[in-house]
């Protein structure tokens, strides 16, 4: 069978290709040099509430509204023939909540002329939310570790030998007690008063 435009084989291929693109959850589109939509997959209905028919011929200004100026440097870059990748928050038309995305603008350059650019915008909201949960868990862990490393409350201390009674009821040296519960390290010496009491006259020599 000869592959010609309008042949059953080419129509079948076009239908299959369209079905494949429509089942991609990311937005896939083509915008011409005048920033008008020439193709859009079904994902634009979920993201912007617009069907494919409503997308065709629409300008990026009309579609993006207030975020158009934020995207404009990337649009201009793509139309200069420079591939663009950036992140953006897009309001969900159904819930009003922000959806996080990563966008790719790929120039359609032929014979040195940029005729437009291809767009692929993927939803990264689940990844961003997982990152936030992970950051919160790490923060809580660090806070808990910091609290573990901090001595709190009243400590039972022997008035004679200065040993401390731990949570098991055992009396341990103050150095041992603190070392197990903090990051402090001990080195021993003598204060002047103790040195004089234990070794009187030593300092006179």
N, C-alpha and C. Protein backbone atom coordinates (compact mmCIF):
# COMPACT_ATOMS: atom_id res chain seq x y z
N UNK A 1 0.84 -1.19 0.00
CA UNK A 1 0.00 0.00 0.00
C UNK A 1 0.88 1.24 0.00
N UNK A 2 0.59 2.19 -0.86
CA UNK A 2 1.37 3.41 -0.95
C UNK A 2 0.94 4.39 0.13
N UNK A 3 1.94 4.99 0.78
CA UNK A 3 1.66 5.97 1.85
C UNK A 3 1.48 7.34 1.20
N UNK A 4 0.26 7.81 1.13
CA UNK A 4 -0.01 9.13 0.58
C UNK A 4 -0.93 9.88 1.52
N UNK A 5 -0.86 11.19 1.45
CA UNK A 5 -1.71 12.02 2.29
C UNK A 5 -3.17 11.74 1.97
N UNK A 6 -3.95 11.45 2.97
CA UNK A 6 -5.36 11.17 2.78
C UNK A 6 -5.66 9.71 2.57
N UNK A 7 -4.61 8.88 2.47
CA UNK A 7 -4.83 7.45 2.30
C UNK A 7 -5.31 6.84 3.61
N UNK A 8 -5.98 5.69 3.55
CA UNK A 8 -6.45 5.04 4.79
C UNK A 8 -5.32 4.80 5.78
N UNK A 9 -4.13 4.42 5.28
CA UNK A 9 -3.01 4.16 6.17
C UNK A 9 -2.58 5.44 6.89
N UNK A 10 -2.47 6.54 6.16
CA UNK A 10 -2.05 7.79 6.78
C UNK A 10 -3.11 8.30 7.75
N UNK A 11 -4.39 8.09 7.41
CA UNK A 11 -5.45 8.51 8.34
C UNK A 11 -5.42 7.69 9.60
N UNK A 12 -5.18 6.38 9.48
CA UNK A 12 -5.09 5.51 10.67
C UNK A 12 -3.92 5.94 11.55
N UNK A 13 -2.79 6.24 10.90
CA UNK A 13 -1.62 6.66 11.67
C UNK A 13 -1.91 7.96 12.40
N UNK A 14 -2.54 8.90 11.73
CA UNK A 14 -2.85 10.20 12.34
C UNK A 14 -3.79 10.02 13.52
N UNK A 15 -4.77 9.15 13.38
CA UNK A 15 -5.73 8.91 14.47
C UNK A 15 -5.04 8.26 15.67
N UNK A 16 -4.15 7.30 15.38
CA UNK A 16 -3.42 6.64 16.47
C UNK A 16 -2.50 7.63 17.17
N UNK A 17 -1.79 8.43 16.37
CA UNK A 17 -0.87 9.42 16.95
C UNK A 17 -1.64 10.41 17.82
N UNK A 18 -2.80 10.85 17.36
CA UNK A 18 -3.61 11.79 18.14
C UNK A 18 -4.09 11.16 19.43
N UNK A 19 -4.50 9.89 19.35
CA UNK A 19 -4.96 9.19 20.56
C UNK A 19 -3.83 9.04 21.57
N UNK A 20 -2.63 8.74 21.07
CA UNK A 20 -1.47 8.61 21.95
C UNK A 20 -1.19 9.94 22.66
N UNK A 21 -1.16 11.02 21.89
CA UNK A 21 -0.86 12.34 22.47
C UNK A 21 -1.94 12.75 23.46
N UNK A 22 -3.19 12.41 23.16
CA UNK A 22 -4.29 12.79 24.05
C UNK A 22 -4.26 12.02 25.36
N UNK A 23 -3.58 10.88 25.39
CA UNK A 23 -3.50 10.09 26.63
C UNK A 23 -2.26 10.46 27.46
N UNK A 24 -1.49 11.40 26.98
CA UNK A 24 -0.36 11.90 27.77
C UNK A 24 -0.90 12.91 28.77
N UNK A 25 -0.64 12.74 30.07
CA UNK A 25 -1.17 13.68 31.06
C UNK A 25 -0.56 15.07 30.96
N UNK A 26 0.62 15.19 30.35
CA UNK A 26 1.25 16.50 30.18
C UNK A 26 0.60 17.24 29.02
N UNK A 27 0.69 18.58 29.07
CA UNK A 27 0.18 19.39 27.96
C UNK A 27 1.18 19.35 26.81
N UNK A 28 0.69 19.07 25.62
CA UNK A 28 1.51 19.04 24.41
C UNK A 28 0.84 19.94 23.38
N UNK A 29 1.59 20.88 22.83
CA UNK A 29 0.99 21.84 21.89
C UNK A 29 2.04 22.34 20.91
N UNK A 30 1.54 23.02 19.87
CA UNK A 30 2.40 23.71 18.92
C UNK A 30 1.89 25.12 18.76
N UNK A 31 2.81 26.09 18.92
CA UNK A 31 2.47 27.50 18.78
C UNK A 31 3.31 28.08 17.64
N UNK A 32 2.67 28.85 16.75
CA UNK A 32 3.40 29.39 15.61
C UNK A 32 4.15 30.66 16.00
N UNK A 33 4.81 31.26 15.03
CA UNK A 33 5.64 32.43 15.30
C UNK A 33 4.84 33.62 15.79
N UNK A 34 3.53 33.63 15.54
CA UNK A 34 2.67 34.71 16.02
C UNK A 34 2.05 34.36 17.37
N UNK A 35 2.54 33.28 17.96
CA UNK A 35 2.08 32.83 19.28
C UNK A 35 0.60 32.40 19.26
N UNK A 36 0.19 31.79 18.16
CA UNK A 36 -1.15 31.23 18.06
C UNK A 36 -1.07 29.71 18.09
N UNK A 37 -2.03 29.11 18.77
CA UNK A 37 -2.03 27.65 18.91
C UNK A 37 -2.47 26.98 17.62
N UNK A 38 -1.67 26.03 17.15
CA UNK A 38 -2.00 25.27 15.95
C UNK A 38 -2.31 23.81 16.28
N UNK A 39 -1.95 23.39 17.49
CA UNK A 39 -2.28 22.04 17.95
C UNK A 39 -2.24 22.03 19.47
N UNK A 40 -3.16 21.28 20.07
CA UNK A 40 -3.16 21.10 21.53
C UNK A 40 -3.78 19.75 21.84
N UNK A 41 -3.20 19.05 22.80
CA UNK A 41 -3.78 17.75 23.18
C UNK A 41 -4.88 17.93 24.24
N UNK A 42 -5.47 16.83 24.64
CA UNK A 42 -6.63 16.88 25.54
C UNK A 42 -6.29 17.38 26.93
N UNK A 43 -5.00 17.36 27.31
CA UNK A 43 -4.62 17.78 28.66
C UNK A 43 -4.94 19.24 28.92
N UNK A 44 -5.07 20.06 27.88
CA UNK A 44 -5.39 21.47 28.09
C UNK A 44 -6.79 21.64 28.68
N UNK A 45 -7.64 20.66 28.48
CA UNK A 45 -8.97 20.73 29.08
C UNK A 45 -8.87 20.60 30.59
N UNK A 46 -7.97 19.73 31.06
CA UNK A 46 -7.80 19.55 32.50
C UNK A 46 -7.06 20.72 33.14
N UNK A 47 -6.13 21.30 32.42
CA UNK A 47 -5.31 22.37 32.99
C UNK A 47 -5.97 23.74 32.86
N UNK A 48 -6.55 24.01 31.72
CA UNK A 48 -7.11 25.34 31.46
C UNK A 48 -8.61 25.33 31.19
N UNK A 49 -9.22 24.16 31.20
CA UNK A 49 -10.66 24.09 30.96
C UNK A 49 -11.04 24.37 29.52
N UNK A 50 -10.11 24.17 28.57
CA UNK A 50 -10.37 24.43 27.15
C UNK A 50 -10.21 23.15 26.34
N UNK A 51 -11.16 22.91 25.46
CA UNK A 51 -11.08 21.76 24.58
C UNK A 51 -10.08 22.05 23.46
N UNK A 52 -9.78 21.03 22.68
CA UNK A 52 -8.87 21.22 21.55
C UNK A 52 -9.43 22.26 20.58
N UNK A 53 -10.74 22.18 20.33
CA UNK A 53 -11.36 23.13 19.40
C UNK A 53 -11.26 24.56 19.92
N UNK A 54 -11.38 24.71 21.24
CA UNK A 54 -11.26 26.05 21.82
C UNK A 54 -9.83 26.55 21.83
N UNK A 55 -8.88 25.64 21.82
CA UNK A 55 -7.47 26.02 21.85
C UNK A 55 -6.98 26.50 20.48
N UNK A 56 -7.46 25.90 19.40
CA UNK A 56 -6.94 26.20 18.08
C UNK A 56 -7.18 27.66 17.73
N UNK A 57 -6.11 28.35 17.37
CA UNK A 57 -6.19 29.75 16.99
C UNK A 57 -6.07 30.73 18.13
N UNK A 58 -6.14 30.25 19.37
CA UNK A 58 -6.04 31.14 20.52
C UNK A 58 -4.60 31.64 20.67
N UNK A 59 -4.41 32.83 21.19
CA UNK A 59 -3.07 33.34 21.42
C UNK A 59 -2.60 32.96 22.82
N UNK A 60 -1.31 32.99 23.02
CA UNK A 60 -0.77 32.67 24.34
C UNK A 60 -1.21 33.71 25.37
N UNK A 61 -1.37 34.95 24.93
CA UNK A 61 -1.85 35.99 25.84
C UNK A 61 -3.23 35.64 26.37
N UNK A 62 -4.12 35.19 25.46
CA UNK A 62 -5.48 34.83 25.86
C UNK A 62 -5.49 33.62 26.79
N UNK A 63 -4.62 32.66 26.52
CA UNK A 63 -4.61 31.43 27.31
C UNK A 63 -4.01 31.67 28.70
N UNK A 64 -2.86 32.32 28.74
CA UNK A 64 -2.11 32.42 29.99
C UNK A 64 -2.57 33.56 30.89
N UNK A 65 -3.18 34.58 30.31
CA UNK A 65 -3.68 35.68 31.14
C UNK A 65 -2.56 36.33 31.94
N UNK A 66 -2.73 36.42 33.28
CA UNK A 66 -1.75 37.15 34.10
C UNK A 66 -0.36 36.52 34.15
N UNK A 67 -0.23 35.24 33.82
CA UNK A 67 1.10 34.64 33.87
C UNK A 67 1.82 34.74 32.52
N UNK A 68 1.16 35.38 31.54
CA UNK A 68 1.80 35.50 30.22
C UNK A 68 3.12 36.25 30.31
N UNK A 69 3.14 37.37 31.05
CA UNK A 69 4.37 38.17 31.14
C UNK A 69 5.49 37.39 31.83
N UNK A 70 5.13 36.48 32.74
CA UNK A 70 6.15 35.65 33.38
C UNK A 70 6.76 34.67 32.37
N UNK A 71 5.94 34.20 31.44
CA UNK A 71 6.41 33.23 30.44
C UNK A 71 7.04 33.91 29.22
N UNK A 72 6.80 35.21 29.06
CA UNK A 72 7.23 35.91 27.85
C UNK A 72 8.73 35.76 27.57
N UNK A 73 9.63 35.89 28.56
CA UNK A 73 11.06 35.71 28.23
C UNK A 73 11.37 34.33 27.65
N UNK A 74 10.65 33.30 28.10
CA UNK A 74 10.89 31.95 27.58
C UNK A 74 10.28 31.80 26.18
N UNK A 75 9.14 32.45 25.96
CA UNK A 75 8.52 32.43 24.63
C UNK A 75 9.45 33.10 23.62
N UNK A 76 9.96 34.27 23.99
CA UNK A 76 10.86 34.99 23.09
C UNK A 76 12.14 34.20 22.86
N UNK A 77 12.62 33.54 23.90
CA UNK A 77 13.81 32.72 23.74
C UNK A 77 13.59 31.58 22.76
N UNK A 78 12.43 30.91 22.87
CA UNK A 78 12.12 29.81 21.95
C UNK A 78 12.01 30.32 20.51
N UNK A 79 11.41 31.49 20.34
CA UNK A 79 11.25 32.05 18.99
C UNK A 79 12.58 32.55 18.43
N UNK A 80 13.59 32.68 19.28
CA UNK A 80 14.95 32.98 18.78
C UNK A 80 15.70 31.70 18.43
N UNK A 81 15.05 30.56 18.69
CA UNK A 81 15.68 29.28 18.38
C UNK A 81 16.41 28.67 19.55
N UNK A 82 16.14 29.17 20.76
CA UNK A 82 16.82 28.68 21.95
C UNK A 82 15.86 27.83 22.79
N UNK A 83 16.14 26.54 22.98
CA UNK A 83 15.28 25.68 23.81
C UNK A 83 15.16 26.25 25.23
N UNK A 84 13.96 26.14 25.80
CA UNK A 84 13.69 26.71 27.12
C UNK A 84 13.14 25.63 28.06
N UNK A 85 13.60 25.67 29.30
CA UNK A 85 13.06 24.80 30.36
C UNK A 85 12.90 25.64 31.61
N UNK A 86 11.72 25.61 32.21
CA UNK A 86 11.48 26.41 33.40
C UNK A 86 10.31 25.83 34.19
N UNK A 87 10.21 26.26 35.45
CA UNK A 87 9.13 25.82 36.32
C UNK A 87 8.11 26.95 36.47
N UNK A 88 6.86 26.55 36.65
CA UNK A 88 5.80 27.55 36.76
C UNK A 88 4.65 27.01 37.60
N UNK A 89 3.99 27.91 38.33
CA UNK A 89 2.77 27.57 39.05
C UNK A 89 1.57 28.02 38.21
N UNK A 90 0.63 27.10 37.99
CA UNK A 90 -0.53 27.39 37.15
C UNK A 90 -1.81 27.18 37.95
N UNK A 91 -2.69 28.17 38.03
CA UNK A 91 -3.96 27.99 38.77
C UNK A 91 -4.85 26.95 38.10
N UNK A 92 -5.36 26.02 38.87
CA UNK A 92 -6.28 25.01 38.35
C UNK A 92 -7.65 25.67 38.17
N UNK A 93 -8.22 25.65 36.94
CA UNK A 93 -9.50 26.34 36.71
C UNK A 93 -10.66 25.72 37.49
N UNK A 94 -10.51 24.46 37.90
CA UNK A 94 -11.62 23.78 38.61
C UNK A 94 -11.59 24.06 40.10
N UNK A 95 -10.37 24.09 40.68
CA UNK A 95 -10.27 24.23 42.13
C UNK A 95 -9.69 25.57 42.57
N UNK A 96 -9.02 26.25 41.65
CA UNK A 96 -8.37 27.50 42.01
C UNK A 96 -7.03 27.30 42.69
N UNK A 97 -6.69 26.04 42.99
CA UNK A 97 -5.42 25.75 43.63
C UNK A 97 -4.28 25.80 42.60
N UNK A 98 -3.09 26.08 43.09
CA UNK A 98 -1.94 26.14 42.19
C UNK A 98 -1.41 24.75 41.90
N UNK A 99 -1.11 24.51 40.64
CA UNK A 99 -0.47 23.28 40.23
C UNK A 99 0.95 23.61 39.78
N UNK A 100 1.90 22.82 40.24
CA UNK A 100 3.30 23.05 39.88
C UNK A 100 3.62 22.32 38.57
N UNK A 101 4.40 22.96 37.75
CA UNK A 101 4.71 22.35 36.46
C UNK A 101 6.15 22.65 36.05
N UNK A 102 6.64 21.83 35.14
CA UNK A 102 7.91 22.09 34.47
C UNK A 102 7.63 22.13 32.98
N UNK A 103 8.04 23.22 32.33
CA UNK A 103 7.71 23.44 30.93
C UNK A 103 8.95 23.37 30.05
N UNK A 104 8.75 22.83 28.86
CA UNK A 104 9.80 22.80 27.84
C UNK A 104 9.25 23.43 26.57
N UNK A 105 9.96 24.43 26.06
CA UNK A 105 9.63 25.05 24.77
C UNK A 105 10.74 24.66 23.80
N UNK A 106 10.39 23.90 22.77
CA UNK A 106 11.39 23.43 21.80
C UNK A 106 11.15 24.13 20.46
N UNK A 107 12.11 24.92 19.99
CA UNK A 107 11.93 25.67 18.74
C UNK A 107 11.72 24.76 17.53
N UNK A 108 10.86 25.19 16.64
CA UNK A 108 10.66 24.52 15.35
C UNK A 108 11.45 25.32 14.31
N UNK A 109 12.72 24.98 14.19
CA UNK A 109 13.62 25.72 13.30
C UNK A 109 13.86 24.90 12.05
N UNK A 110 13.58 25.51 10.91
CA UNK A 110 13.79 24.86 9.62
C UNK A 110 14.46 25.83 8.67
N UNK A 111 15.59 25.37 8.10
CA UNK A 111 16.35 26.21 7.15
C UNK A 111 16.72 27.55 7.77
N UNK A 112 17.05 27.53 9.07
CA UNK A 112 17.48 28.75 9.72
C UNK A 112 16.37 29.68 10.13
N UNK A 113 15.12 29.26 9.93
CA UNK A 113 13.97 30.10 10.29
C UNK A 113 13.16 29.39 11.36
N UNK A 114 12.81 30.12 12.43
CA UNK A 114 11.98 29.55 13.50
C UNK A 114 10.51 29.80 13.14
N UNK A 115 9.78 28.72 12.90
CA UNK A 115 8.38 28.84 12.49
C UNK A 115 7.42 28.80 13.68
N UNK A 116 7.93 28.43 14.83
CA UNK A 116 7.10 28.31 16.02
C UNK A 116 7.86 27.48 17.04
N UNK A 117 7.12 26.91 17.97
CA UNK A 117 7.79 26.05 18.95
C UNK A 117 6.81 25.03 19.52
N UNK A 118 7.37 23.88 19.90
CA UNK A 118 6.61 22.81 20.52
C UNK A 118 6.61 23.02 22.04
N UNK A 119 5.52 22.65 22.66
CA UNK A 119 5.39 22.85 24.11
C UNK A 119 5.09 21.52 24.79
N UNK A 120 5.80 21.27 25.88
CA UNK A 120 5.51 20.12 26.74
C UNK A 120 5.53 20.62 28.17
N UNK A 121 4.39 20.52 28.85
CA UNK A 121 4.28 21.00 30.23
C UNK A 121 3.78 19.86 31.11
N UNK A 122 4.61 19.41 32.04
CA UNK A 122 4.27 18.27 32.90
C UNK A 122 3.91 18.74 34.31
N UNK A 123 2.97 18.03 34.91
CA UNK A 123 2.54 18.34 36.28
C UNK A 123 3.54 17.76 37.28
N UNK A 124 4.16 18.64 38.07
CA UNK A 124 5.11 18.19 39.08
C UNK A 124 4.55 18.36 40.50
N UNK A 125 3.25 18.62 40.60
CA UNK A 125 2.64 18.86 41.91
C UNK A 125 2.89 17.71 42.88
N UNK A 126 2.68 16.44 42.49
CA UNK A 126 2.95 15.34 43.44
C UNK A 126 4.40 15.33 43.92
N UNK A 127 5.35 15.63 43.03
CA UNK A 127 6.76 15.64 43.42
C UNK A 127 7.04 16.77 44.39
N UNK A 128 6.47 17.95 44.12
CA UNK A 128 6.68 19.11 44.99
C UNK A 128 6.10 18.83 46.37
N UNK A 129 4.90 18.22 46.39
CA UNK A 129 4.27 17.91 47.67
C UNK A 129 5.08 16.89 48.46
N UNK A 130 5.63 15.89 47.76
CA UNK A 130 6.47 14.90 48.45
C UNK A 130 7.74 15.54 49.00
N UNK A 131 8.31 16.47 48.22
CA UNK A 131 9.51 17.17 48.70
C UNK A 131 9.19 17.98 49.95
N UNK A 132 8.01 18.60 49.98
CA UNK A 132 7.63 19.39 51.15
C UNK A 132 7.41 18.49 52.37
N UNK A 133 6.78 17.34 52.14
CA UNK A 133 6.58 16.40 53.25
C UNK A 133 7.92 15.92 53.77
N UNK A 134 8.83 15.58 52.84
CA UNK A 134 10.15 15.10 53.24
C UNK A 134 10.90 16.18 54.02
N UNK A 135 10.83 17.43 53.55
CA UNK A 135 11.51 18.52 54.24
C UNK A 135 10.94 18.71 55.64
N UNK A 136 9.60 18.56 55.76
CA UNK A 136 8.96 18.71 57.07
C UNK A 136 9.38 17.58 58.01
N UNK A 137 9.46 16.35 57.47
CA UNK A 137 9.88 15.21 58.29
C UNK A 137 11.32 15.39 58.76
N UNK A 138 12.20 15.85 57.86
CA UNK A 138 13.60 16.07 58.23
C UNK A 138 13.69 17.16 59.30
N UNK A 139 12.89 18.21 59.14
CA UNK A 139 12.91 19.30 60.11
C UNK A 139 12.45 18.81 61.48
N UNK A 140 11.38 17.99 61.48
CA UNK A 140 10.88 17.45 62.75
C UNK A 140 11.90 16.50 63.38
N UNK A 141 12.57 15.72 62.53
CA UNK A 141 13.60 14.81 63.05
C UNK A 141 14.73 15.59 63.69
N UNK A 142 15.19 16.64 62.99
CA UNK A 142 16.29 17.44 63.52
C UNK A 142 15.90 18.12 64.82
N UNK A 143 14.64 18.57 64.88
CA UNK A 143 14.18 19.22 66.10
C UNK A 143 14.13 18.21 67.25
N UNK A 144 13.66 16.98 66.94
CA UNK A 144 13.60 15.94 67.97
C UNK A 144 14.99 15.57 68.46
N UNK A 145 15.95 15.48 67.53
CA UNK A 145 17.32 15.16 67.92
C UNK A 145 17.92 16.26 68.78
N UNK A 146 17.58 17.50 68.42
CA UNK A 146 18.09 18.62 69.20
C UNK A 146 17.53 18.58 70.62
N UNK A 147 16.25 18.20 70.73
CA UNK A 147 15.64 18.12 72.05
C UNK A 147 16.24 16.97 72.87
N UNK A 148 16.55 15.87 72.18
CA UNK A 148 17.16 14.74 72.88
C UNK A 148 18.52 15.14 73.43
N UNK A 149 19.22 15.99 72.65
CA UNK A 149 20.56 16.41 73.05
C UNK A 149 20.55 17.55 74.07
N UNK A 150 19.38 17.98 74.50
CA UNK A 150 19.28 19.08 75.46
C UNK A 150 18.81 18.55 76.80
N UNK A 151 19.52 18.89 77.86
CA UNK A 151 19.12 18.47 79.20
C UNK A 151 18.00 19.36 79.69
N UNK A 152 16.93 18.74 80.14
CA UNK A 152 15.78 19.51 80.62
C UNK A 152 15.31 18.97 81.97
N UNK A 153 14.57 19.80 82.68
CA UNK A 153 13.95 19.37 83.92
C UNK A 153 14.92 19.41 85.10
N UNK A 154 14.47 18.86 86.22
CA UNK A 154 15.27 18.85 87.45
C UNK A 154 16.08 17.56 87.52
N UNK A 155 17.37 17.70 87.84
CA UNK A 155 18.26 16.55 87.92
C UNK A 155 18.57 16.26 89.39
N UNK A 156 18.30 15.01 89.86
CA UNK A 156 18.69 14.64 91.24
C UNK A 156 20.21 14.52 91.33
N UNK A 157 20.84 15.39 92.11
CA UNK A 157 22.30 15.43 92.24
C UNK A 157 22.68 15.16 93.70
N UNK A 158 23.63 14.27 93.91
CA UNK A 158 24.13 14.00 95.27
C UNK A 158 24.84 15.25 95.78
N UNK A 159 24.48 15.67 96.99
CA UNK A 159 25.05 16.89 97.53
C UNK A 159 26.50 16.73 97.96
N UNK A 160 26.97 15.48 98.04
CA UNK A 160 28.36 15.24 98.45
C UNK A 160 29.26 14.97 97.26
N UNK A 161 28.98 13.88 96.52
CA UNK A 161 29.87 13.51 95.42
C UNK A 161 29.44 14.08 94.08
N UNK A 162 28.26 14.70 94.05
CA UNK A 162 27.73 15.35 92.84
C UNK A 162 27.35 14.36 91.74
N UNK A 163 27.19 13.07 92.06
CA UNK A 163 26.70 12.12 91.07
C UNK A 163 25.24 12.43 90.76
N UNK A 164 24.77 12.01 89.60
CA UNK A 164 23.40 12.26 89.15
C UNK A 164 22.64 10.95 89.06
N UNK A 165 21.39 10.96 89.55
CA UNK A 165 20.56 9.76 89.44
C UNK A 165 19.85 9.79 88.10
N UNK A 166 20.08 8.74 87.27
CA UNK A 166 19.46 8.71 85.95
C UNK A 166 18.05 8.16 86.00
N UNK A 167 17.44 8.00 84.80
CA UNK A 167 16.05 7.55 84.72
C UNK A 167 15.87 6.11 85.19
N UNK A 168 16.97 5.33 85.29
CA UNK A 168 16.89 3.96 85.81
C UNK A 168 17.10 3.90 87.32
N UNK A 169 17.34 5.06 87.91
CA UNK A 169 17.55 5.11 89.35
C UNK A 169 18.98 4.85 89.76
N UNK A 170 19.87 4.77 88.80
CA UNK A 170 21.28 4.52 89.11
C UNK A 170 22.03 5.84 89.22
N UNK A 171 23.01 5.87 90.13
CA UNK A 171 23.82 7.07 90.33
C UNK A 171 25.08 6.97 89.48
N UNK A 172 25.27 7.95 88.62
CA UNK A 172 26.42 7.95 87.72
C UNK A 172 27.17 9.28 87.86
N UNK A 173 28.41 9.24 87.47
CA UNK A 173 29.20 10.46 87.52
C UNK A 173 28.61 11.50 86.57
N UNK A 174 28.74 12.78 86.94
CA UNK A 174 28.15 13.85 86.15
C UNK A 174 28.70 13.84 84.72
N UNK A 175 30.01 13.52 84.56
CA UNK A 175 30.59 13.49 83.22
C UNK A 175 29.91 12.43 82.36
N UNK A 176 29.70 11.26 82.95
CA UNK A 176 29.07 10.16 82.21
C UNK A 176 27.65 10.50 81.81
N UNK A 177 26.91 11.10 82.74
CA UNK A 177 25.51 11.45 82.48
C UNK A 177 25.41 12.45 81.33
N UNK A 178 26.21 13.49 81.38
CA UNK A 178 26.13 14.54 80.36
C UNK A 178 26.64 14.02 79.01
N UNK A 179 27.70 13.23 79.02
CA UNK A 179 28.27 12.73 77.77
C UNK A 179 27.29 11.87 76.99
N UNK A 180 26.45 11.10 77.71
CA UNK A 180 25.48 10.23 77.05
C UNK A 180 24.32 11.01 76.44
N UNK A 181 24.10 12.22 76.90
CA UNK A 181 22.91 12.96 76.50
C UNK A 181 23.19 14.22 75.71
N UNK A 182 24.45 14.53 75.54
CA UNK A 182 24.82 15.71 74.76
C UNK A 182 26.03 15.37 73.90
N UNK A 183 26.47 16.35 73.16
CA UNK A 183 27.65 16.17 72.32
C UNK A 183 28.90 16.73 73.00
N UNK A 184 28.77 17.05 74.28
CA UNK A 184 29.91 17.61 75.03
C UNK A 184 30.95 16.54 75.31
N UNK A 185 32.21 16.94 75.31
CA UNK A 185 33.32 16.07 75.68
C UNK A 185 34.05 16.69 76.88
N UNK A 186 34.61 15.84 77.74
CA UNK A 186 35.23 16.32 78.97
C UNK A 186 36.74 16.15 78.95
N UNK A 187 37.41 17.12 79.52
CA UNK A 187 38.83 17.02 79.83
C UNK A 187 38.99 17.50 81.26
N UNK A 188 39.91 16.90 82.00
CA UNK A 188 39.99 17.19 83.43
C UNK A 188 41.20 18.05 83.78
N UNK A 189 40.98 18.90 84.75
CA UNK A 189 42.03 19.76 85.27
C UNK A 189 41.67 20.12 86.70
N UNK A 190 42.38 21.04 87.30
CA UNK A 190 42.10 21.50 88.65
C UNK A 190 41.86 23.00 88.64
N UNK A 191 40.80 23.40 89.33
CA UNK A 191 40.59 24.83 89.49
C UNK A 191 41.59 25.34 90.54
N UNK A 192 41.88 26.60 90.58
CA UNK A 192 42.86 27.14 91.56
C UNK A 192 42.53 26.81 93.00
N UNK A 193 41.24 26.86 93.37
CA UNK A 193 40.86 26.59 94.76
C UNK A 193 41.17 25.15 95.15
N UNK A 194 40.84 24.21 94.27
CA UNK A 194 41.11 22.80 94.57
C UNK A 194 42.61 22.51 94.54
N UNK A 195 43.30 23.14 93.63
CA UNK A 195 44.75 22.92 93.57
C UNK A 195 45.40 23.38 94.86
N UNK A 196 44.96 24.51 95.41
CA UNK A 196 45.53 25.02 96.65
C UNK A 196 45.17 24.12 97.81
N UNK A 197 43.93 23.59 97.80
CA UNK A 197 43.48 22.72 98.91
C UNK A 197 44.20 21.39 98.90
N UNK A 198 44.39 20.83 97.71
CA UNK A 198 45.03 19.51 97.61
C UNK A 198 46.55 19.60 97.65
N UNK A 199 47.10 20.62 97.07
CA UNK A 199 48.55 20.73 96.99
C UNK A 199 48.97 22.12 97.51
N UNK A 200 48.82 22.35 98.81
CA UNK A 200 49.14 23.68 99.35
C UNK A 200 50.61 24.04 99.14
N UNK A 201 50.80 25.26 98.75
CA UNK A 201 52.17 25.75 98.57
C UNK A 201 52.80 25.38 97.27
N UNK A 202 52.09 24.54 96.44
CA UNK A 202 52.70 24.12 95.17
C UNK A 202 52.93 25.31 94.25
N UNK A 203 51.98 26.20 94.25
CA UNK A 203 52.08 27.34 93.34
C UNK A 203 53.15 28.32 93.77
N UNK A 204 53.58 28.24 95.07
CA UNK A 204 54.58 29.19 95.56
C UNK A 204 55.96 28.87 94.99
N UNK A 205 56.16 27.61 94.66
CA UNK A 205 57.47 27.25 94.18
C UNK A 205 57.68 27.76 92.80
